[in-house]
Amino acid sequence: MRMLLYLLLIFFLFSCKSDAELSMERGIQYYEWGKYNEAILEFNHAKYFQLAKKNKSYDDIKLLAQTHYNLSITYAKLQLFDHAIQEAQHAFNLIPNKEYREILGLISKELASK
């Protein structure tokens, strides 16, 4: 019985998501529901959790870059292109991958056409 209790405790401790991950999930859900302002609040919440960490792992940096990316898309959806380009640039600076470069280009084109 005691062994089962220890196993459950270990499982519980290692299966918990961080506050930043939970905020990201809530932000994505709000975005899917069309509640963009609420999504921005949740993404910013996730961002600040990540920025507050002193020792960041590679996974933390990936989550932070994804947070900036999600913010850029949400700002673009609200046609707040100045904010969107800033967030996309932050995502690209953290992890310069194709996905982040493409959103940066799309938002830049949209800004140029305005």
C-alpha atoms as a PDB file:
ATOM      1  CA  MET A   1       0.000   0.000   0.000  1.00  0.00           C
ATOM      2  CA  ARG A   2       2.766   2.395   0.973  1.00  0.00           C
ATOM      3  CA  MET A   3       4.615   1.641  -2.290  1.00  0.00           C
ATOM      4  CA  LEU A   4       1.493   2.414  -4.319  1.00  0.00           C
ATOM      5  CA  LEU A   5       1.133   5.726  -2.501  1.00  0.00           C
ATOM      6  CA  TYR A   6       4.750   6.658  -3.305  1.00  0.00           C
ATOM      7  CA  LEU A   7       4.284   5.736  -6.955  1.00  0.00           C
ATOM      8  CA  LEU A   8       1.142   7.863  -7.198  1.00  0.00           C
ATOM      9  CA  LEU A   9       2.917  10.788  -5.566  1.00  0.00           C
ATOM     10  CA  ILE A  10       5.843  10.524  -7.982  1.00  0.00           C
ATOM     11  CA  PHE A  11       3.488  10.242 -10.946  1.00  0.00           C
ATOM     12  CA  PHE A  12       1.526  13.278  -9.782  1.00  0.00           C
ATOM     13  CA  LEU A  13       4.636  15.405  -9.307  1.00  0.00           C
ATOM     14  CA  PHE A  14       6.057  14.625 -12.738  1.00  0.00           C
ATOM     15  CA  SER A  15       2.799  14.859 -14.665  1.00  0.00           C
ATOM     16  CA  CYS A  16       1.875  18.378 -13.613  1.00  0.00           C
ATOM     17  CA  LYS A  17       2.074  21.088 -16.209  1.00  0.00           C
ATOM     18  CA  SER A  18       3.687  24.382 -15.399  1.00  0.00           C
ATOM     19  CA  ASP A  19       1.660  27.563 -14.953  1.00  0.00           C
ATOM     20  CA  ALA A  20       3.075  28.832 -18.252  1.00  0.00           C
ATOM     21  CA  GLU A  21       1.944  25.702 -20.117  1.00  0.00           C
ATOM     22  CA  LEU A  22      -1.539  25.944 -18.627  1.00  0.00           C
ATOM     23  CA  SER A  23      -1.777  29.624 -19.588  1.00  0.00           C
ATOM     24  CA  MET A  24      -0.705  28.729 -23.125  1.00  0.00           C
ATOM     25  CA  GLU A  25      -3.409  26.084 -23.361  1.00  0.00           C
ATOM     26  CA  ARG A  26      -6.043  28.496 -22.071  1.00  0.00           C
ATOM     27  CA  GLY A  27      -4.837  31.153 -24.522  1.00  0.00           C
ATOM     28  CA  ILE A  28      -5.100  28.753 -27.440  1.00  0.00           C
ATOM     29  CA  GLN A  29      -8.605  27.778 -26.384  1.00  0.00           C
ATOM     30  CA  TYR A  30      -9.671  31.423 -26.096  1.00  0.00           C
ATOM     31  CA  TYR A  31      -8.198  32.092 -29.542  1.00  0.00           C
ATOM     32  CA  GLU A  32     -10.147  29.173 -31.015  1.00  0.00           C
ATOM     33  CA  TRP A  33     -13.327  30.550 -29.435  1.00  0.00           C
ATOM     34  CA  GLY A  34     -12.659  33.973 -30.999  1.00  0.00           C
ATOM     35  CA  LYS A  35     -11.994  35.601 -27.616  1.00  0.00           C
ATOM     36  CA  TYR A  36      -8.812  37.325 -28.741  1.00  0.00           C
ATOM     37  CA  ASN A  37      -8.428  39.773 -25.859  1.00  0.00           C
ATOM     38  CA  GLU A  38      -8.660  36.929 -23.342  1.00  0.00           C
ATOM     39  CA  ALA A  39      -6.167  34.934 -25.421  1.00  0.00           C
ATOM     40  CA  ILE A  40      -3.714  37.852 -25.286  1.00  0.00           C
ATOM     41  CA  LEU A  41      -4.063  38.008 -21.517  1.00  0.00           C
ATOM     42  CA  GLU A  42      -3.315  34.297 -21.167  1.00  0.00           C
ATOM     43  CA  PHE A  43      -0.378  34.409 -23.593  1.00  0.00           C
ATOM     44  CA  ASN A  44       1.088  37.386 -21.730  1.00  0.00           C
ATOM     45  CA  HIS A  45       0.587  35.502 -18.486  1.00  0.00           C
ATOM     46  CA  ALA A  46       2.552  32.568 -19.925  1.00  0.00           C
ATOM     47  CA  LYS A  47       5.241  34.925 -21.195  1.00  0.00           C
ATOM     48  CA  TYR A  48       5.772  36.531 -17.814  1.00  0.00           C
ATOM     49  CA  PHE A  49       6.017  33.138 -16.102  1.00  0.00           C
ATOM     50  CA  GLN A  50       8.777  32.218 -18.530  1.00  0.00           C
ATOM     51  CA  LEU A  51      10.591  35.550 -18.243  1.00  0.00           C
ATOM     52  CA  ALA A  52      10.567  35.314 -14.443  1.00  0.00           C
ATOM     53  CA  LYS A  53      12.529  32.056 -14.495  1.00  0.00           C
ATOM     54  CA  LYS A  54      16.198  32.568 -13.768  1.00  0.00           C
ATOM     55  CA  ASN A  55      17.595  29.343 -15.218  1.00  0.00           C
ATOM     56  CA  LYS A  56      15.882  28.639 -18.512  1.00  0.00           C
ATOM     57  CA  SER A  57      16.138  25.271 -20.217  1.00  0.00           C
ATOM     58  CA  TYR A  58      15.863  24.826 -23.973  1.00  0.00           C
ATOM     59  CA  ASP A  59      12.243  23.739 -23.479  1.00  0.00           C
ATOM     60  CA  ASP A  60      11.565  26.989 -21.591  1.00  0.00           C
ATOM     61  CA  ILE A  61      13.018  28.992 -24.473  1.00  0.00           C
ATOM     62  CA  LYS A  62      10.929  27.039 -26.992  1.00  0.00           C
ATOM     63  CA  LEU A  63       7.795  27.714 -24.926  1.00  0.00           C
ATOM     64  CA  LEU A  64       8.672  31.415 -24.692  1.00  0.00           C
ATOM     65  CA  ALA A  65       9.215  31.622 -28.462  1.00  0.00           C
ATOM     66  CA  GLN A  66       5.891  29.862 -29.061  1.00  0.00           C
ATOM     67  CA  THR A  67       4.227  32.326 -26.701  1.00  0.00           C
ATOM     68  CA  HIS A  68       5.582  35.271 -28.689  1.00  0.00           C
ATOM     69  CA  TYR A  69       4.458  33.568 -31.904  1.00  0.00           C
ATOM     70  CA  ASN A  70       0.927  33.020 -30.571  1.00  0.00           C
ATOM     71  CA  LEU A  71       0.783  36.636 -29.437  1.00  0.00           C
ATOM     72  CA  SER A  72       1.879  37.831 -32.877  1.00  0.00           C
ATOM     73  CA  ILE A  73      -0.865  35.849 -34.593  1.00  0.00           C
ATOM     74  CA  THR A  74      -3.483  37.077 -32.134  1.00  0.00           C
ATOM     75  CA  TYR A  75      -2.411  40.715 -32.497  1.00  0.00           C
ATOM     76  CA  ALA A  76      -2.462  40.325 -36.280  1.00  0.00           C
ATOM     77  CA  LYS A  77      -5.983  38.910 -36.070  1.00  0.00           C
ATOM     78  CA  LEU A  78      -6.985  42.118 -34.258  1.00  0.00           C
ATOM     79  CA  GLN A  79      -5.077  44.140 -36.907  1.00  0.00           C
ATOM     80  CA  LEU A  80      -2.622  45.444 -34.300  1.00  0.00           C
ATOM     81  CA  PHE A  81       0.278  44.934 -36.678  1.00  0.00           C
ATOM     82  CA  ASP A  82       2.859  46.983 -34.749  1.00  0.00           C
ATOM     83  CA  HIS A  83       2.434  44.698 -31.738  1.00  0.00           C
ATOM     84  CA  ALA A  84       2.268  41.639 -33.982  1.00  0.00           C
ATOM     85  CA  ILE A  85       5.601  42.397 -35.665  1.00  0.00           C
ATOM     86  CA  GLN A  86       7.313  42.976 -32.322  1.00  0.00           C
ATOM     87  CA  GLU A  87       6.121  39.634 -30.970  1.00  0.00           C
ATOM     88  CA  ALA A  88       7.041  37.813 -34.187  1.00  0.00           C
ATOM     89  CA  GLN A  89      10.518  39.356 -34.053  1.00  0.00           C
ATOM     90  CA  HIS A  90      10.949  38.192 -30.439  1.00  0.00           C
ATOM     91  CA  ALA A  91       9.931  34.655 -31.421  1.00  0.00           C
ATOM     92  CA  PHE A  92      12.350  34.649 -34.361  1.00  0.00           C
ATOM     93  CA  ASN A  93      15.195  36.047 -32.240  1.00  0.00           C
ATOM     94  CA  LEU A  94      14.755  33.242 -29.715  1.00  0.00           C
ATOM     95  CA  ILE A  95      14.438  30.422 -32.243  1.00  0.00           C
ATOM     96  CA  PRO A  96      15.054  31.399 -35.875  1.00  0.00           C
ATOM     97  CA  ASN A  97      12.973  28.717 -37.553  1.00  0.00           C
ATOM     98  CA  LYS A  98      10.983  28.748 -40.802  1.00  0.00           C
ATOM     99  CA  GLU A  99       7.586  29.129 -39.129  1.00  0.00           C
ATOM    100  CA  TYR A 100       8.605  32.260 -37.213  1.00  0.00           C
ATOM    101  CA  ARG A 101      10.354  33.745 -40.265  1.00  0.00           C
ATOM    102  CA  GLU A 102       7.221  33.231 -42.370  1.00  0.00           C
ATOM    103  CA  ILE A 103       4.897  34.964 -39.903  1.00  0.00           C
ATOM    104  CA  LEU A 104       7.387  37.813 -39.639  1.00  0.00           C
ATOM    105  CA  GLY A 105       7.315  38.182 -43.435  1.00  0.00           C
ATOM    106  CA  LEU A 106       3.524  38.044 -43.633  1.00  0.00           C
ATOM    107  CA  ILE A 107       3.053  40.690 -40.968  1.00  0.00           C
ATOM    108  CA  SER A 108       5.743  42.885 -42.578  1.00  0.00           C
ATOM    109  CA  LYS A 109       3.894  42.675 -45.914  1.00  0.00           C
ATOM    110  CA  GLU A 110       0.631  43.589 -44.220  1.00  0.00           C
ATOM    111  CA  LEU A 111       2.256  46.576 -42.516  1.00  0.00           C
ATOM    112  CA  ALA A 112       3.760  47.752 -45.810  1.00  0.00           C
ATOM    113  CA  SER A 113       0.379  47.628 -47.521  1.00  0.00           C
ATOM    114  CA  LYS A 114      -1.293  49.792 -44.846  1.00  0.00           C
END
